[in-house]
Each structure stands twice: as structure tokens, then as C-alpha cells.
Amino acid sequence: YWLAQSLAKVTPGTVILAFCAATAWMMRRSAGSLAAVLAVSVPSAVIAVFLTMAFTSMSGSPRALAVLGAVLAASIGLMWAAAWLLVKPELNKVTALRTVVLVFGVFIARWWSVSPIEILAGAAIIGALWSCEKDP
């Protein structure tokens, strides 16, 4: 078990597939390894193909597009709520300005099509250089 787990972590690719292949190899050699990889990967591949076909066939339907729009709006609302729960305990009079500047800076950067990785790096640098001491 530990050998299979260690080998799965150092091989390139998906860890779960490598772990299944290594564990099955130890038990049943080639046939077991092939069966394990197929048993793990084929069902999810079939589901992905089915969902892609369903999405493609529904992309012209106004009802389906309305449902997708509602799901998108709900997921954005959930992300904003989660962000607020993370920021609210740290927000005070001293850190409020930095927070507002960073939030508006992110919106402006995204408007100019700056990549999220570059935005995160910039926010980390600004956060490190613009230190705010909390009120005691």
C-alpha cells in the first residue's frame, strides 16, 4: 500500500489513476492494473461525454440558458458571501482603505484583461509593502 501510494505521488499524471494501477499491479499484475485504471477512468469519461452532449444540445434553448444564468448568478453570490466572511473579521478603520483599494484595483485589472495569477501576485506584493497595524 505505502509503495503504491509513494509511486503514485512521484509519477506524472493523475495520482488516483497511478495509485489504482500500482495497487492492482501488486495484486494481479498487468490484467489487474488495466482493469483498475479502466474501472476508475471510464465511468467518469462517459459522464463527461454525456454532460457535454447535453450541454451542447441545450445551448440553443432559452430556458436552458436562463437556468445556466441563474446558476451562474447564484455561484457568484456564494463566492461574494464567502469572501465577505473571510474579510469581515479583519476589516477595521485602519485596513479598510487598503481593502477598498485592492478590490477596486482587481476590478480595474480584470477590465484590462490582466490574468488572475498576475493579480494575485500584485495583491500579495501590495499587501506585503502596505502594512497596516491593527488597533489594539
C-alpha atoms as a PDB file:
ATOM      1  CA  TYR A   1       0.000   0.000   0.000  1.00  0.00           C
ATOM      2  CA  TRP A   2       2.681   2.544   1.002  1.00  0.00           C
ATOM      3  CA  LEU A   3       4.833   1.700  -2.001  1.00  0.00           C
ATOM      4  CA  ALA A   4       1.876   2.188  -4.356  1.00  0.00           C
ATOM      5  CA  GLN A   5       0.997   5.490  -2.713  1.00  0.00           C
ATOM      6  CA  SER A   6       4.588   6.742  -2.906  1.00  0.00           C
ATOM      7  CA  LEU A   7       4.954   5.724  -6.543  1.00  0.00           C
ATOM      8  CA  ALA A   8       1.642   7.369  -7.419  1.00  0.00           C
ATOM      9  CA  LYS A   9       2.789  10.682  -5.967  1.00  0.00           C
ATOM     10  CA  VAL A  10       6.075  10.809  -7.882  1.00  0.00           C
ATOM     11  CA  THR A  11       4.776   9.692 -11.276  1.00  0.00           C
ATOM     12  CA  PRO A  12       3.424  12.296 -13.694  1.00  0.00           C
ATOM     13  CA  GLY A  13      -0.323  12.384 -14.234  1.00  0.00           C
ATOM     14  CA  THR A  14      -3.322  11.824 -12.030  1.00  0.00           C
ATOM     15  CA  VAL A  15      -2.390  10.444  -8.611  1.00  0.00           C
ATOM     16  CA  ILE A  16      -5.556   8.361  -8.213  1.00  0.00           C
ATOM     17  CA  LEU A  17      -5.029   6.597 -11.548  1.00  0.00           C
ATOM     18  CA  ALA A  18      -1.402   5.876 -10.740  1.00  0.00           C
ATOM     19  CA  PHE A  19      -2.365   4.600  -7.267  1.00  0.00           C
ATOM     20  CA  CYS A  20      -5.044   2.307  -8.690  1.00  0.00           C
ATOM     21  CA  ALA A  21      -2.653   0.996 -11.328  1.00  0.00           C
ATOM     22  CA  ALA A  22       0.140   0.372  -8.809  1.00  0.00           C
ATOM     23  CA  THR A  23      -2.107  -1.314  -6.241  1.00  0.00           C
ATOM     24  CA  ALA A  24      -3.745  -3.531  -8.850  1.00  0.00           C
ATOM     25  CA  TRP A  25      -0.316  -4.368 -10.326  1.00  0.00           C
ATOM     26  CA  MET A  26       0.783  -5.687  -6.935  1.00  0.00           C
ATOM     27  CA  MET A  27      -2.332  -7.857  -6.708  1.00  0.00           C
ATOM     28  CA  ARG A  28      -2.973  -9.048 -10.294  1.00  0.00           C
ATOM     29  CA  ARG A  29      -0.137  -7.693 -12.437  1.00  0.00           C
ATOM     30  CA  SER A  30      -0.972  -6.365 -15.946  1.00  0.00           C
ATOM     31  CA  ALA A  31      -4.576  -7.535 -16.139  1.00  0.00           C
ATOM     32  CA  GLY A  32      -5.396  -6.116 -12.727  1.00  0.00           C
ATOM     33  CA  SER A  33      -3.691  -2.823 -13.485  1.00  0.00           C
ATOM     34  CA  LEU A  34      -5.570  -2.425 -16.761  1.00  0.00           C
ATOM     35  CA  ALA A  35      -8.887  -3.349 -15.147  1.00  0.00           C
ATOM     36  CA  ALA A  36      -8.358  -0.922 -12.260  1.00  0.00           C
ATOM     37  CA  VAL A  37      -7.464   2.016 -14.499  1.00  0.00           C
ATOM     38  CA  LEU A  38     -10.437   1.316 -16.763  1.00  0.00           C
ATOM     39  CA  ALA A  39     -12.789   0.940 -13.799  1.00  0.00           C
ATOM     40  CA  VAL A  40     -11.688   4.301 -12.415  1.00  0.00           C
ATOM     41  CA  SER A  41     -11.498   6.323 -15.630  1.00  0.00           C
ATOM     42  CA  VAL A  42     -14.203   5.010 -17.981  1.00  0.00           C
ATOM     43  CA  PRO A  43     -17.314   5.896 -15.895  1.00  0.00           C
ATOM     44  CA  SER A  44     -16.200   9.495 -15.371  1.00  0.00           C
ATOM     45  CA  ALA A  45     -15.264   9.816 -19.058  1.00  0.00           C
ATOM     46  CA  VAL A  46     -18.711   8.538 -20.082  1.00  0.00           C
ATOM     47  CA  ILE A  47     -20.387  11.014 -17.718  1.00  0.00           C
ATOM     48  CA  ALA A  48     -18.253  13.871 -19.078  1.00  0.00           C
ATOM     49  CA  VAL A  49     -19.176  12.986 -22.676  1.00  0.00           C
ATOM     50  CA  PHE A  50     -22.868  12.710 -21.753  1.00  0.00           C
ATOM     51  CA  LEU A  51     -22.877  16.074 -19.965  1.00  0.00           C
ATOM     52  CA  THR A  52     -21.036  17.719 -22.857  1.00  0.00           C
ATOM     53  CA  MET A  53     -23.590  16.368 -25.335  1.00  0.00           C
ATOM     54  CA  ALA A  54     -26.451  17.509 -23.102  1.00  0.00           C
ATOM     55  CA  PHE A  55     -24.951  20.978 -22.709  1.00  0.00           C
ATOM     56  CA  THR A  56     -24.373  21.280 -26.450  1.00  0.00           C
ATOM     57  CA  SER A  57     -27.930  20.233 -27.277  1.00  0.00           C
ATOM     58  CA  MET A  58     -29.409  22.653 -24.740  1.00  0.00           C
ATOM     59  CA  SER A  59     -27.259  25.649 -25.667  1.00  0.00           C
ATOM     60  CA  GLY A  60     -29.898  26.885 -28.119  1.00  0.00           C
ATOM     61  CA  SER A  61     -32.765  26.657 -25.644  1.00  0.00           C
ATOM     62  CA  PRO A  62     -33.798  29.939 -23.958  1.00  0.00           C
ATOM     63  CA  ARG A  63     -34.954  28.037 -20.856  1.00  0.00           C
ATOM     64  CA  ALA A  64     -31.651  26.201 -20.516  1.00  0.00           C
ATOM     65  CA  LEU A  65     -29.733  29.457 -20.940  1.00  0.00           C
ATOM     66  CA  ALA A  66     -31.931  31.057 -18.267  1.00  0.00           C
ATOM     67  CA  VAL A  67     -31.210  28.178 -15.881  1.00  0.00           C
ATOM     68  CA  LEU A  68     -27.478  28.450 -16.561  1.00  0.00           C
ATOM     69  CA  GLY A  69     -27.662  32.208 -15.963  1.00  0.00           C
ATOM     70  CA  ALA A  70     -29.417  31.624 -12.641  1.00  0.00           C
ATOM     71  CA  VAL A  71     -26.838  29.035 -11.598  1.00  0.00           C
ATOM     72  CA  LEU A  72     -24.043  31.441 -12.546  1.00  0.00           C
ATOM     73  CA  ALA A  73     -25.637  34.262 -10.547  1.00  0.00           C
ATOM     74  CA  ALA A  74     -26.099  32.003  -7.522  1.00  0.00           C
ATOM     75  CA  SER A  75     -22.500  30.789  -7.645  1.00  0.00           C
ATOM     76  CA  ILE A  76     -21.188  34.359  -7.901  1.00  0.00           C
ATOM     77  CA  GLY A  77     -23.347  35.308  -4.917  1.00  0.00           C
ATOM     78  CA  LEU A  78     -21.944  32.387  -2.929  1.00  0.00           C
ATOM     79  CA  MET A  79     -18.375  33.422  -3.769  1.00  0.00           C
ATOM     80  CA  TRP A  80     -19.060  37.009  -2.665  1.00  0.00           C
ATOM     81  CA  ALA A  81     -20.626  35.762   0.579  1.00  0.00           C
ATOM     82  CA  ALA A  82     -17.619  33.530   1.268  1.00  0.00           C
ATOM     83  CA  ALA A  83     -15.217  36.389   0.522  1.00  0.00           C
ATOM     84  CA  TRP A  84     -17.137  38.670   2.883  1.00  0.00           C
ATOM     85  CA  LEU A  85     -16.994  36.053   5.659  1.00  0.00           C
ATOM     86  CA  LEU A  86     -13.207  35.886   5.231  1.00  0.00           C
ATOM     87  CA  VAL A  87     -12.652  39.654   5.053  1.00  0.00           C
ATOM     88  CA  LYS A  88     -15.134  40.896   7.661  1.00  0.00           C
ATOM     89  CA  PRO A  89     -13.184  39.812  10.804  1.00  0.00           C
ATOM     90  CA  GLU A  90     -10.030  41.540   9.525  1.00  0.00           C
ATOM     91  CA  LEU A  91     -11.731  44.743   8.437  1.00  0.00           C
ATOM     92  CA  ASN A  92     -11.318  47.772  10.694  1.00  0.00           C
ATOM     93  CA  LYS A  93     -10.708  51.516  10.290  1.00  0.00           C
ATOM     94  CA  VAL A  94      -7.022  51.010   9.529  1.00  0.00           C
ATOM     95  CA  THR A  95      -7.350  48.178   6.991  1.00  0.00           C
ATOM     96  CA  ALA A  96     -10.490  49.466   5.238  1.00  0.00           C
ATOM     97  CA  LEU A  97      -8.637  51.782   2.832  1.00  0.00           C
ATOM     98  CA  ARG A  98      -6.229  49.072   1.710  1.00  0.00           C
ATOM     99  CA  THR A  99      -9.115  46.645   1.218  1.00  0.00           C
ATOM    100  CA  VAL A 100     -11.120  49.109  -0.888  1.00  0.00           C
ATOM    101  CA  VAL A 101      -8.060  49.980  -2.990  1.00  0.00           C
ATOM    102  CA  LEU A 102      -7.287  46.311  -3.604  1.00  0.00           C
ATOM    103  CA  VAL A 103     -10.886  45.426  -4.523  1.00  0.00           C
ATOM    104  CA  PHE A 104     -11.230  48.287  -6.999  1.00  0.00           C
ATOM    105  CA  GLY A 105      -7.736  47.579  -8.310  1.00  0.00           C
ATOM    106  CA  VAL A 106      -8.749  43.989  -9.034  1.00  0.00           C
ATOM    107  CA  PHE A 107     -11.839  45.119 -10.943  1.00  0.00           C
ATOM    108  CA  ILE A 108      -9.787  47.564 -12.998  1.00  0.00           C
ATOM    109  CA  ALA A 109      -7.091  44.952 -13.666  1.00  0.00           C
ATOM    110  CA  ARG A 110      -9.687  42.422 -14.825  1.00  0.00           C
ATOM    111  CA  TRP A 111     -11.263  45.106 -17.029  1.00  0.00           C
ATOM    112  CA  TRP A 112      -7.862  45.418 -18.727  1.00  0.00           C
ATOM    113  CA  SER A 113      -7.670  41.600 -19.057  1.00  0.00           C
ATOM    114  CA  VAL A 114      -4.839  41.115 -16.557  1.00  0.00           C
ATOM    115  CA  SER A 115      -4.524  37.409 -15.675  1.00  0.00           C
ATOM    116  CA  PRO A 116      -5.687  36.224 -12.237  1.00  0.00           C
ATOM    117  CA  ILE A 117      -2.172  34.963 -11.418  1.00  0.00           C
ATOM    118  CA  GLU A 118      -0.714  38.416 -12.047  1.00  0.00           C
ATOM    119  CA  ILE A 119      -3.488  39.961  -9.932  1.00  0.00           C
ATOM    120  CA  LEU A 120      -2.753  37.602  -7.033  1.00  0.00           C
ATOM    121  CA  ALA A 121       0.970  38.349  -7.268  1.00  0.00           C
ATOM    122  CA  GLY A 122       0.322  42.081  -7.329  1.00  0.00           C
ATOM    123  CA  ALA A 123      -2.073  41.888  -4.388  1.00  0.00           C
ATOM    124  CA  ALA A 124       0.483  39.893  -2.404  1.00  0.00           C
ATOM    125  CA  ILE A 125       3.187  42.483  -3.099  1.00  0.00           C
ATOM    126  CA  ILE A 126       0.873  45.385  -2.218  1.00  0.00           C
ATOM    127  CA  GLY A 127      -0.248  43.595   0.937  1.00  0.00           C
ATOM    128  CA  ALA A 128       3.337  42.972   1.998  1.00  0.00           C
ATOM    129  CA  LEU A 129       4.535  46.513   1.320  1.00  0.00           C
ATOM    130  CA  TRP A 130       1.469  48.384   2.555  1.00  0.00           C
ATOM    131  CA  SER A 131       1.438  47.183   6.127  1.00  0.00           C
ATOM    132  CA  CYS A 132      -1.421  48.185   8.395  1.00  0.00           C
ATOM    133  CA  GLU A 133      -1.211  47.857  12.119  1.00  0.00           C
ATOM    134  CA  LYS A 134      -4.426  46.840  13.821  1.00  0.00           C
ATOM    135  CA  ASP A 135      -5.918  48.976  16.545  1.00  0.00           C
ATOM    136  CA  PRO A 136      -5.262  47.436  19.976  1.00  0.00           C
END
